[in-house]
Amino acid sequence: MDKPPETAGAQSLRRSLQLLRLLAERHEDGIKLTEVMEVSGLERSTAHRLLSCLAEERFAERDPATKAYRLGVDAMQLGFASMRRVPLVDSCRPLMQKLARMSGDTVFLVIRQGDYCLCLHREEGHFPVKVFTTDVGGRRLLGLGAGGLALMAALSDAEIERIHERHVDEYAQAGFTRERLRQAVRRTRAAGHADIVDTLTVGVSGVGCTFAASASTLAAISFGAISPRLPPARKKELARLLMAEIARDAGA
């Protein structure tokens, strides 16, 4: 995707937003000042000044014991408020309801949030066994779920390597070595859609595709179902349906 032109005179604001995104990515474990400097490329004095300001405004907090920074209360309140009505959800809901009705399966909408994908919405199909591998507002590492794998396949190989390096233990727990992740990405790129089995929950499969949510943001819609409902032939059928409906919706 083409990167939009940057607004002049907003460097400090842009750096602060960069740090907020970084805090969101590392919220579970926190991130120390030295790591912030390494990842962001900011000098120590600049990173410390911006983090201190965010902490004073309650958009960040610093653990006195570990010295690690996390998102603060006000940042999380903004996130909760935004979840009450998300424009992307409003625009995708009719399509997701249609896909859930046509397939009978659960349909998920996710976007990338740093090294994770964030579930914005889900629609339940009529099949009696529901598949709720991800709750609305829940996050999963990129590459594990169908939507997250579709999003990861859109990244550069170098960025995928960096994400794996940062979360090597978590990927290992899910059975993903570096090579297995590379293979999954290659298959996704070749097929034009993601295809998973047992990566998040044993006995659950999924199919996912990306689409442009805006000029600079990718999102993904995916199906999830118990594996007996998604043999290879039906996965291909649902992938074709998903890609066709996304293309039709984009052209509407």
Protein backbone atom coordinates (compact mmCIF):
# COMPACT_ATOMS: atom_id res chain seq x y z
CA MET A 1 0.00 0.00 0.00
CA ASP A 2 1.18 3.56 -0.71
CA LYS A 3 2.06 5.47 2.42
CA PRO A 4 0.11 8.75 2.73
CA PRO A 5 2.14 12.00 2.80
CA GLU A 6 3.24 13.10 6.26
CA THR A 7 1.89 16.29 7.82
CA ALA A 8 4.63 18.84 8.36
CA GLY A 9 5.37 20.17 11.84
CA ALA A 10 3.97 17.16 13.70
CA GLN A 11 7.17 15.28 14.53
CA SER A 12 6.68 15.25 18.32
CA LEU A 13 3.09 14.08 18.00
CA ARG A 14 4.11 11.41 15.52
CA ARG A 15 6.83 10.14 17.86
CA SER A 16 4.39 10.04 20.78
CA LEU A 17 1.91 8.03 18.73
CA GLN A 18 4.74 5.70 17.70
CA LEU A 19 5.46 5.09 21.38
CA LEU A 20 1.79 4.50 22.17
CA ARG A 21 1.67 1.82 19.47
CA LEU A 22 4.82 0.28 20.91
CA LEU A 23 3.33 0.26 24.41
CA ALA A 24 0.21 -1.43 23.03
CA GLU A 25 2.30 -4.13 21.34
CA ARG A 26 4.26 -4.87 24.52
CA HIS A 27 1.49 -4.17 27.05
CA GLU A 28 1.39 -7.68 28.53
CA ASP A 29 5.06 -7.80 29.58
CA GLY A 30 5.89 -4.11 29.47
CA ILE A 31 8.88 -2.54 27.75
CA LYS A 32 11.91 -0.84 29.27
CA LEU A 33 13.46 2.42 28.16
CA THR A 34 16.46 0.72 26.54
CA GLU A 35 14.12 -1.47 24.48
CA VAL A 36 12.04 1.55 23.48
CA MET A 37 15.21 3.24 22.22
CA GLU A 38 16.26 0.13 20.29
CA VAL A 39 12.90 -0.44 18.60
CA SER A 40 11.94 3.19 17.95
CA GLY A 41 15.37 4.55 17.05
CA LEU A 42 14.86 7.50 19.40
CA GLU A 43 17.67 8.93 21.50
CA ARG A 44 17.53 8.24 25.22
CA SER A 45 16.63 11.81 26.21
CA THR A 46 13.85 12.02 23.61
CA ALA A 47 12.36 8.62 24.47
CA HIS A 48 12.51 9.36 28.21
CA ARG A 49 10.90 12.80 27.77
CA LEU A 50 8.04 11.48 25.67
CA LEU A 51 7.40 8.49 27.95
CA SER A 52 7.44 10.76 31.01
CA CYS A 53 4.89 13.06 29.38
CA LEU A 54 2.66 10.11 28.45
CA ALA A 55 2.90 8.87 32.03
CA GLU A 56 2.03 12.31 33.44
CA GLU A 57 -1.07 12.37 31.21
CA ARG A 58 -1.93 8.76 32.25
CA PHE A 59 -1.48 7.39 28.73
CA ALA A 60 1.44 5.33 30.02
CA GLU A 61 2.50 3.92 33.37
CA ARG A 62 5.86 2.76 34.70
CA ASP A 63 6.16 -0.27 36.93
CA PRO A 64 8.30 0.86 39.91
CA ALA A 65 9.68 -2.65 40.40
CA THR A 66 10.60 -3.66 36.85
CA LYS A 67 10.97 -0.13 35.38
CA ALA A 68 8.90 -1.33 32.40
CA TYR A 69 6.33 0.88 30.69
CA ARG A 70 2.78 -0.14 29.76
CA LEU A 71 -0.34 1.58 28.51
CA GLY A 72 -1.94 3.80 31.10
CA VAL A 73 -5.56 4.09 32.19
CA ASP A 74 -6.47 6.95 29.85
CA ALA A 75 -5.09 5.13 26.80
CA MET A 76 -7.18 2.07 27.64
CA GLN A 77 -10.27 4.19 28.23
CA LEU A 78 -9.88 5.60 24.72
CA GLY A 79 -9.61 2.06 23.38
CA PHE A 80 -12.72 0.92 25.21
CA ALA A 81 -14.64 3.97 24.01
CA SER A 82 -13.64 3.36 20.40
CA MET A 83 -14.86 -0.24 20.58
CA ARG A 84 -18.42 0.93 21.24
CA ARG A 85 -18.74 2.06 17.66
CA VAL A 86 -16.07 1.25 15.11
CA PRO A 87 -16.66 2.63 11.58
CA LEU A 88 -14.94 -0.40 10.02
CA VAL A 89 -17.29 -2.74 11.90
CA ASP A 90 -20.30 -0.74 10.76
CA SER A 91 -19.20 -0.95 7.14
CA CYS A 92 -18.30 -4.67 7.30
CA ARG A 93 -21.26 -5.91 9.37
CA PRO A 94 -23.67 -6.42 6.41
CA LEU A 95 -21.04 -8.42 4.49
CA MET A 96 -20.17 -10.51 7.54
CA GLN A 97 -23.83 -11.23 8.25
CA LYS A 98 -24.27 -12.31 4.64
CA LEU A 99 -21.21 -14.59 4.80
CA ALA A 100 -22.35 -16.11 8.11
CA ARG A 101 -25.82 -16.72 6.67
CA MET A 102 -24.49 -18.26 3.46
CA SER A 103 -21.92 -20.50 5.18
CA GLY A 104 -23.57 -21.22 8.52
CA ASP A 105 -20.17 -20.69 10.19
CA THR A 106 -18.64 -18.02 12.44
CA VAL A 107 -17.14 -15.00 10.65
CA PHE A 108 -14.44 -12.81 12.22
CA LEU A 109 -13.11 -9.34 11.42
CA VAL A 110 -9.54 -8.58 12.54
CA ILE A 111 -6.97 -5.83 12.03
CA ARG A 112 -3.27 -5.70 12.75
CA GLN A 113 -2.16 -4.20 16.07
CA GLY A 114 1.62 -4.34 16.17
CA ASP A 115 2.71 -7.98 16.38
CA TYR A 116 -0.87 -9.06 17.03
CA CYS A 117 -4.23 -9.09 15.33
CA LEU A 118 -7.19 -7.54 17.15
CA CYS A 119 -10.68 -8.97 16.75
CA LEU A 120 -13.14 -6.15 16.07
CA HIS A 121 -16.29 -8.14 15.38
CA ARG A 122 -17.74 -11.59 14.78
CA GLU A 123 -20.98 -12.89 13.30
CA GLU A 124 -22.42 -16.28 14.18
CA GLY A 125 -23.78 -18.63 11.54
CA HIS A 126 -26.71 -21.00 12.00
CA PHE A 127 -24.62 -24.14 12.54
CA PRO A 128 -25.36 -25.30 16.12
CA VAL A 129 -21.70 -25.80 17.12
CA LYS A 130 -20.26 -22.30 17.50
CA VAL A 131 -16.57 -21.58 17.11
CA PHE A 132 -15.39 -18.74 19.35
CA THR A 133 -11.64 -19.05 19.13
CA THR A 134 -11.30 -15.28 19.59
CA ASP A 135 -13.48 -12.88 21.55
CA VAL A 136 -14.27 -9.39 20.32
CA GLY A 137 -11.48 -7.20 21.67
CA GLY A 138 -9.17 -10.21 22.00
CA ARG A 139 -5.67 -10.32 20.51
CA ARG A 140 -3.68 -13.15 18.97
CA LEU A 141 -0.16 -13.25 17.61
CA LEU A 142 -0.01 -12.68 13.88
CA GLY A 143 0.20 -15.93 11.95
CA LEU A 144 -1.75 -18.19 14.28
CA GLY A 145 -5.38 -17.60 13.30
CA ALA A 146 -6.72 -17.51 9.74
CA GLY A 147 -7.15 -13.74 9.72
CA GLY A 148 -3.81 -13.20 11.46
CA LEU A 149 -2.00 -15.45 8.98
CA ALA A 150 -3.57 -13.59 6.05
CA LEU A 151 -2.38 -10.29 7.56
CA MET A 152 1.11 -11.65 8.23
CA ALA A 153 1.47 -12.87 4.65
CA ALA A 154 1.06 -9.26 3.50
CA LEU A 155 4.18 -8.20 5.43
CA SER A 156 7.75 -8.33 4.18
CA ASP A 157 9.87 -11.36 4.97
CA ALA A 158 12.20 -9.19 7.06
CA GLU A 159 9.32 -7.92 9.21
CA ILE A 160 7.99 -11.44 9.69
CA GLU A 161 11.44 -12.54 10.88
CA ARG A 162 11.53 -9.71 13.42
CA ILE A 163 8.07 -10.57 14.76
CA HIS A 164 9.04 -14.23 15.15
CA GLU A 165 12.26 -13.26 16.90
CA ARG A 166 10.38 -11.12 19.42
CA HIS A 167 7.91 -13.91 20.24
CA VAL A 168 9.88 -17.08 19.56
CA ASP A 169 8.71 -18.77 22.77
CA GLU A 170 5.03 -18.02 22.14
CA TYR A 171 5.25 -19.33 18.58
CA ALA A 172 7.01 -22.44 19.84
CA GLN A 173 4.17 -23.09 22.30
CA ALA A 174 1.78 -23.00 19.35
CA GLY A 175 4.02 -25.43 17.43
CA PHE A 176 5.36 -22.80 15.05
CA THR A 177 9.06 -22.98 14.32
CA ARG A 178 10.53 -20.28 12.09
CA GLU A 179 10.43 -22.64 9.12
CA ARG A 180 6.83 -23.69 9.72
CA LEU A 181 5.81 -20.02 9.88
CA ARG A 182 7.67 -19.32 6.63
CA GLN A 183 5.92 -22.25 4.95
CA ALA A 184 2.50 -21.07 6.13
CA VAL A 185 3.20 -17.59 4.77
CA ARG A 186 4.38 -18.98 1.41
CA ARG A 187 1.25 -21.13 1.08
CA THR A 188 -0.96 -18.17 1.92
CA ARG A 189 0.69 -15.92 -0.64
CA ALA A 190 0.50 -18.60 -3.33
CA ALA A 191 -3.17 -19.39 -2.67
CA GLY A 192 -4.30 -15.81 -2.07
CA HIS A 193 -5.92 -16.82 1.22
CA ALA A 194 -4.96 -18.28 4.60
CA ASP A 195 -5.79 -21.86 5.58
CA ILE A 196 -5.32 -23.11 9.15
CA VAL A 197 -5.98 -26.32 11.09
CA ASP A 198 -5.55 -26.72 14.86
CA THR A 199 -3.31 -23.66 15.32
CA LEU A 200 -5.44 -21.83 17.87
CA THR A 201 -7.76 -24.60 19.05
CA VAL A 202 -7.52 -28.32 18.40
CA GLY A 203 -10.35 -29.44 16.14
CA VAL A 204 -10.92 -25.99 14.66
CA SER A 205 -10.06 -24.85 11.14
CA GLY A 206 -10.31 -21.55 9.33
CA VAL A 207 -9.98 -19.63 6.10
CA GLY A 208 -9.11 -15.92 5.86
CA CYS A 209 -8.49 -13.14 3.34
CA THR A 210 -7.21 -9.59 3.62
CA PHE A 211 -8.75 -6.43 2.19
CA ALA A 212 -7.94 -2.72 2.27
CA ALA A 213 -9.81 -1.14 5.18
CA SER A 214 -8.36 2.25 4.22
CA ALA A 215 -5.55 3.66 2.13
CA SER A 216 -3.05 2.62 4.80
CA THR A 217 -4.74 -0.17 6.78
CA LEU A 218 -5.22 -3.85 6.01
CA ALA A 219 -7.95 -5.89 7.67
CA ALA A 220 -8.95 -9.52 7.31
CA ILE A 221 -12.20 -11.45 7.34
CA SER A 222 -12.12 -15.14 8.17
CA PHE A 223 -14.36 -18.17 8.66
CA GLY A 224 -13.94 -20.46 11.65
CA ALA A 225 -15.56 -23.86 12.13
CA ILE A 226 -14.99 -27.30 13.59
CA SER A 227 -12.59 -29.16 11.31
CA PRO A 228 -15.10 -31.77 10.02
CA ARG A 229 -17.05 -28.87 8.47
CA LEU A 230 -13.98 -27.61 6.64
CA PRO A 231 -12.41 -30.35 4.52
CA PRO A 232 -10.04 -29.10 1.78
CA ALA A 233 -12.74 -28.81 -0.90
CA ARG A 234 -15.03 -26.72 1.28
CA LYS A 235 -12.13 -24.51 2.36
CA LYS A 236 -11.47 -23.69 -1.27
CA GLU A 237 -15.18 -23.04 -1.80
CA LEU A 238 -15.34 -20.67 1.18
CA ALA A 239 -12.12 -18.93 0.11
CA ARG A 240 -13.60 -18.29 -3.35
CA LEU A 241 -16.82 -17.03 -1.76
CA LEU A 242 -14.91 -14.77 0.63
CA MET A 243 -12.69 -13.28 -2.08
CA ALA A 244 -15.64 -12.76 -4.42
CA GLU A 245 -17.80 -11.09 -1.79
CA ILE A 246 -14.96 -8.86 -0.61
CA ALA A 247 -14.27 -7.80 -4.21
CA ARG A 248 -17.97 -7.18 -4.83
CA ASP A 249 -18.31 -5.19 -1.63
CA ALA A 250 -15.25 -3.09 -2.47
CA GLY A 251 -16.64 -2.29 -5.90
CA ALA A 252 -20.11 -1.43 -4.64
